[in-house]
Each structure stands twice: as structure tokens, then as C-alpha cells.
Amino acid sequence: MKEAIEHILSSEIRPMLEYDGGGIELVEVDETSGEVWVRLSGACHGCPFAAITLKIRVEALLKEKVPGVQTVISVE
């Protein structure tokens, strides 16, 4: 599961965020609960729209592409 998540982050999500000056790092994956922890960086860190990006873009895409992902949580 972790490898699949990192692949989606690298191939689809990071390029989208980097286009706007942001970034994302995979911190941890709990395969039992389906929780994924990420760290937003660059322009995404502290952005008022970061929570929306996290849920609507990052979480939605990971749930669609990686079976077992339930939620994505941002950490500082």
C-alpha cells in the first residue's frame, strides 16, 4: 500500500502541487486503519486552501487509486 501511495504522490499529486509552488511528503501509512499522513510544503504550507486541496484532490485521488485508503491527514 505504501508503495502504491508513493507512486500516486510522485506521478500525479506532486506535479500538480509543484505547478503552484507547493509540495507534499509521505510521512506515514497505517495499512490497518487506512490512514495516510502527509506533510504539505512550499506554497501549500499555511495556504488557506490547503485543507480543501488535501481532501478534494489528494484524499479523493488516493481513495480512488489505492484500495484501503480511508483518510489523509496533514501533519506539521
N, C-alpha and C. Protein backbone atom coordinates (compact mmCIF):
# COMPACT_ATOMS: atom_id res chain seq x y z
N MET A 1 0.82 -1.19 0.00
CA MET A 1 0.00 0.00 0.00
C MET A 1 0.87 1.26 0.00
N LYS A 2 1.91 1.27 0.82
CA LYS A 2 2.78 2.44 0.91
C LYS A 2 3.43 2.76 -0.45
N GLU A 3 3.86 1.72 -1.15
CA GLU A 3 4.49 1.93 -2.45
C GLU A 3 3.51 2.49 -3.46
N ALA A 4 2.27 2.00 -3.42
CA ALA A 4 1.24 2.50 -4.34
C ALA A 4 0.93 3.97 -4.05
N ILE A 5 0.87 4.32 -2.77
CA ILE A 5 0.61 5.72 -2.39
C ILE A 5 1.75 6.61 -2.86
N GLU A 6 2.97 6.19 -2.62
CA GLU A 6 4.13 6.99 -3.04
C GLU A 6 4.15 7.16 -4.56
N HIS A 7 3.76 6.12 -5.27
CA HIS A 7 3.71 6.20 -6.74
C HIS A 7 2.69 7.26 -7.20
N ILE A 8 1.51 7.27 -6.60
CA ILE A 8 0.49 8.25 -6.97
C ILE A 8 0.93 9.66 -6.57
N LEU A 9 1.54 9.78 -5.40
CA LEU A 9 2.06 11.09 -4.99
C LEU A 9 3.08 11.60 -5.99
N SER A 10 4.01 10.74 -6.39
CA SER A 10 5.09 11.13 -7.30
C SER A 10 4.61 11.42 -8.71
N SER A 11 3.70 10.59 -9.20
CA SER A 11 3.32 10.71 -10.61
C SER A 11 2.17 11.68 -10.88
N GLU A 12 1.28 11.87 -9.89
CA GLU A 12 0.10 12.68 -10.16
C GLU A 12 -0.07 13.88 -9.23
N ILE A 13 0.15 13.68 -7.95
CA ILE A 13 -0.16 14.75 -6.99
C ILE A 13 0.98 15.76 -6.88
N ARG A 14 2.22 15.30 -6.72
CA ARG A 14 3.34 16.24 -6.60
C ARG A 14 3.45 17.18 -7.79
N PRO A 15 3.38 16.68 -9.02
CA PRO A 15 3.47 17.61 -10.15
C PRO A 15 2.39 18.69 -10.13
N MET A 16 1.18 18.32 -9.71
CA MET A 16 0.08 19.28 -9.63
C MET A 16 0.41 20.35 -8.59
N LEU A 17 0.89 19.94 -7.42
CA LEU A 17 1.21 20.89 -6.36
C LEU A 17 2.43 21.74 -6.70
N GLU A 18 3.43 21.11 -7.32
CA GLU A 18 4.65 21.84 -7.69
C GLU A 18 4.36 22.93 -8.71
N TYR A 19 3.37 22.71 -9.56
CA TYR A 19 2.99 23.71 -10.55
C TYR A 19 2.61 25.03 -9.87
N ASP A 20 2.03 24.93 -8.67
CA ASP A 20 1.63 26.12 -7.91
C ASP A 20 2.62 26.47 -6.81
N GLY A 21 3.81 25.87 -6.84
CA GLY A 21 4.84 26.20 -5.86
C GLY A 21 4.77 25.42 -4.56
N GLY A 22 3.96 24.38 -4.53
CA GLY A 22 3.80 23.58 -3.32
C GLY A 22 4.50 22.24 -3.41
N GLY A 23 4.32 21.45 -2.37
CA GLY A 23 4.90 20.12 -2.34
C GLY A 23 4.19 19.26 -1.32
N ILE A 24 4.48 17.96 -1.37
CA ILE A 24 3.88 17.01 -0.44
C ILE A 24 4.87 15.90 -0.15
N GLU A 25 4.90 15.46 1.09
CA GLU A 25 5.81 14.39 1.52
C GLU A 25 4.97 13.34 2.26
N LEU A 26 5.18 12.08 1.96
CA LEU A 26 4.52 10.99 2.68
C LEU A 26 5.24 10.80 4.00
N VAL A 27 4.50 10.88 5.10
CA VAL A 27 5.07 10.74 6.43
C VAL A 27 4.88 9.32 6.96
N GLU A 28 3.64 8.82 6.89
CA GLU A 28 3.34 7.51 7.46
C GLU A 28 2.07 6.95 6.84
N VAL A 29 1.98 5.62 6.83
CA VAL A 29 0.79 4.93 6.35
C VAL A 29 0.43 3.87 7.38
N ASP A 30 -0.83 3.85 7.81
CA ASP A 30 -1.33 2.78 8.68
C ASP A 30 -2.23 1.92 7.82
N GLU A 31 -1.72 0.78 7.40
CA GLU A 31 -2.46 -0.08 6.48
C GLU A 31 -3.69 -0.69 7.15
N THR A 32 -3.68 -0.82 8.45
CA THR A 32 -4.83 -1.39 9.16
C THR A 32 -6.02 -0.44 9.16
N SER A 33 -5.77 0.82 9.49
CA SER A 33 -6.87 1.80 9.57
C SER A 33 -7.11 2.51 8.24
N GLY A 34 -6.14 2.47 7.34
CA GLY A 34 -6.27 3.19 6.07
C GLY A 34 -5.93 4.66 6.18
N GLU A 35 -5.30 5.06 7.30
CA GLU A 35 -4.91 6.45 7.48
C GLU A 35 -3.56 6.72 6.83
N VAL A 36 -3.48 7.86 6.16
CA VAL A 36 -2.26 8.28 5.48
C VAL A 36 -1.90 9.66 6.01
N TRP A 37 -0.68 9.82 6.51
CA TRP A 37 -0.22 11.11 7.00
C TRP A 37 0.76 11.71 5.99
N VAL A 38 0.53 12.97 5.66
CA VAL A 38 1.39 13.68 4.71
C VAL A 38 1.79 15.03 5.30
N ARG A 39 2.84 15.60 4.75
CA ARG A 39 3.28 16.94 5.14
C ARG A 39 3.26 17.81 3.88
N LEU A 40 2.51 18.89 3.93
CA LEU A 40 2.48 19.84 2.83
C LEU A 40 3.62 20.84 3.00
N SER A 41 4.21 21.26 1.90
CA SER A 41 5.35 22.18 1.97
C SER A 41 5.23 23.24 0.89
N GLY A 42 6.19 24.15 0.91
CA GLY A 42 6.20 25.23 -0.07
C GLY A 42 4.98 26.11 0.06
N ALA A 43 4.40 26.48 -1.05
CA ALA A 43 3.24 27.36 -1.05
C ALA A 43 2.02 26.71 -0.40
N CYS A 44 1.99 25.38 -0.32
CA CYS A 44 0.86 24.68 0.29
C CYS A 44 0.87 24.80 1.81
N HIS A 45 2.06 24.90 2.39
CA HIS A 45 2.17 25.00 3.84
C HIS A 45 1.62 26.35 4.30
N GLY A 46 0.55 26.30 5.07
CA GLY A 46 -0.05 27.53 5.56
C GLY A 46 -1.04 28.18 4.62
N CYS A 47 -1.23 27.63 3.46
CA CYS A 47 -2.19 28.19 2.50
C CYS A 47 -3.61 28.01 3.04
N PRO A 48 -4.45 29.03 2.91
CA PRO A 48 -5.82 28.91 3.40
C PRO A 48 -6.64 27.83 2.68
N PHE A 49 -6.20 27.43 1.50
CA PHE A 49 -6.92 26.41 0.73
C PHE A 49 -6.30 25.02 0.88
N ALA A 50 -5.30 24.88 1.74
CA ALA A 50 -4.60 23.59 1.90
C ALA A 50 -5.54 22.48 2.34
N ALA A 51 -6.44 22.75 3.25
CA ALA A 51 -7.38 21.72 3.73
C ALA A 51 -8.29 21.25 2.60
N ILE A 52 -8.69 22.18 1.75
CA ILE A 52 -9.55 21.82 0.62
C ILE A 52 -8.76 20.98 -0.38
N THR A 53 -7.55 21.40 -0.68
CA THR A 53 -6.69 20.63 -1.59
C THR A 53 -6.46 19.24 -1.05
N LEU A 54 -6.22 19.15 0.24
CA LEU A 54 -5.93 17.85 0.87
C LEU A 54 -7.11 16.91 0.71
N LYS A 55 -8.31 17.37 1.00
CA LYS A 55 -9.49 16.49 0.95
C LYS A 55 -10.00 16.25 -0.46
N ILE A 56 -10.14 17.32 -1.23
CA ILE A 56 -10.78 17.19 -2.54
C ILE A 56 -9.84 16.61 -3.60
N ARG A 57 -8.57 16.95 -3.53
CA ARG A 57 -7.64 16.46 -4.56
C ARG A 57 -6.83 15.26 -4.08
N VAL A 58 -6.11 15.43 -2.98
CA VAL A 58 -5.18 14.38 -2.53
C VAL A 58 -5.94 13.17 -2.01
N GLU A 59 -6.80 13.36 -1.03
CA GLU A 59 -7.53 12.23 -0.45
C GLU A 59 -8.41 11.54 -1.48
N ALA A 60 -9.13 12.31 -2.26
CA ALA A 60 -10.03 11.72 -3.27
C ALA A 60 -9.26 10.87 -4.27
N LEU A 61 -8.13 11.37 -4.74
CA LEU A 61 -7.34 10.62 -5.72
C LEU A 61 -6.74 9.36 -5.11
N LEU A 62 -6.23 9.47 -3.88
CA LEU A 62 -5.66 8.28 -3.24
C LEU A 62 -6.74 7.23 -2.96
N LYS A 63 -7.91 7.65 -2.53
CA LYS A 63 -9.00 6.71 -2.28
C LYS A 63 -9.41 6.01 -3.57
N GLU A 64 -9.42 6.76 -4.65
CA GLU A 64 -9.81 6.20 -5.95
C GLU A 64 -8.78 5.20 -6.47
N LYS A 65 -7.51 5.50 -6.27
CA LYS A 65 -6.45 4.70 -6.92
C LYS A 65 -5.82 3.63 -6.03
N VAL A 66 -5.93 3.78 -4.70
CA VAL A 66 -5.27 2.84 -3.80
C VAL A 66 -6.31 2.22 -2.86
N PRO A 67 -6.64 0.96 -3.07
CA PRO A 67 -7.61 0.29 -2.20
C PRO A 67 -7.14 0.33 -0.75
N GLY A 68 -8.07 0.63 0.14
CA GLY A 68 -7.76 0.62 1.56
C GLY A 68 -7.52 1.99 2.16
N VAL A 69 -7.25 3.00 1.34
CA VAL A 69 -7.05 4.35 1.87
C VAL A 69 -8.41 4.88 2.34
N GLN A 70 -8.48 5.31 3.60
CA GLN A 70 -9.71 5.83 4.18
C GLN A 70 -9.68 7.33 4.39
N THR A 71 -8.54 7.85 4.84
CA THR A 71 -8.43 9.28 5.12
C THR A 71 -6.98 9.73 4.98
N VAL A 72 -6.81 10.99 4.64
CA VAL A 72 -5.47 11.58 4.55
C VAL A 72 -5.41 12.73 5.55
N ILE A 73 -4.37 12.72 6.36
CA ILE A 73 -4.20 13.68 7.44
C ILE A 73 -2.91 14.47 7.21
N SER A 74 -2.99 15.78 7.36
CA SER A 74 -1.81 16.63 7.20
C SER A 74 -1.17 16.85 8.56
N VAL A 75 0.14 16.72 8.62
CA VAL A 75 0.90 16.99 9.84
C VAL A 75 1.85 18.14 9.58
N GLU A 76 2.23 18.82 10.63
CA GLU A 76 3.17 19.95 10.51
C GLU A 76 4.59 19.45 10.44
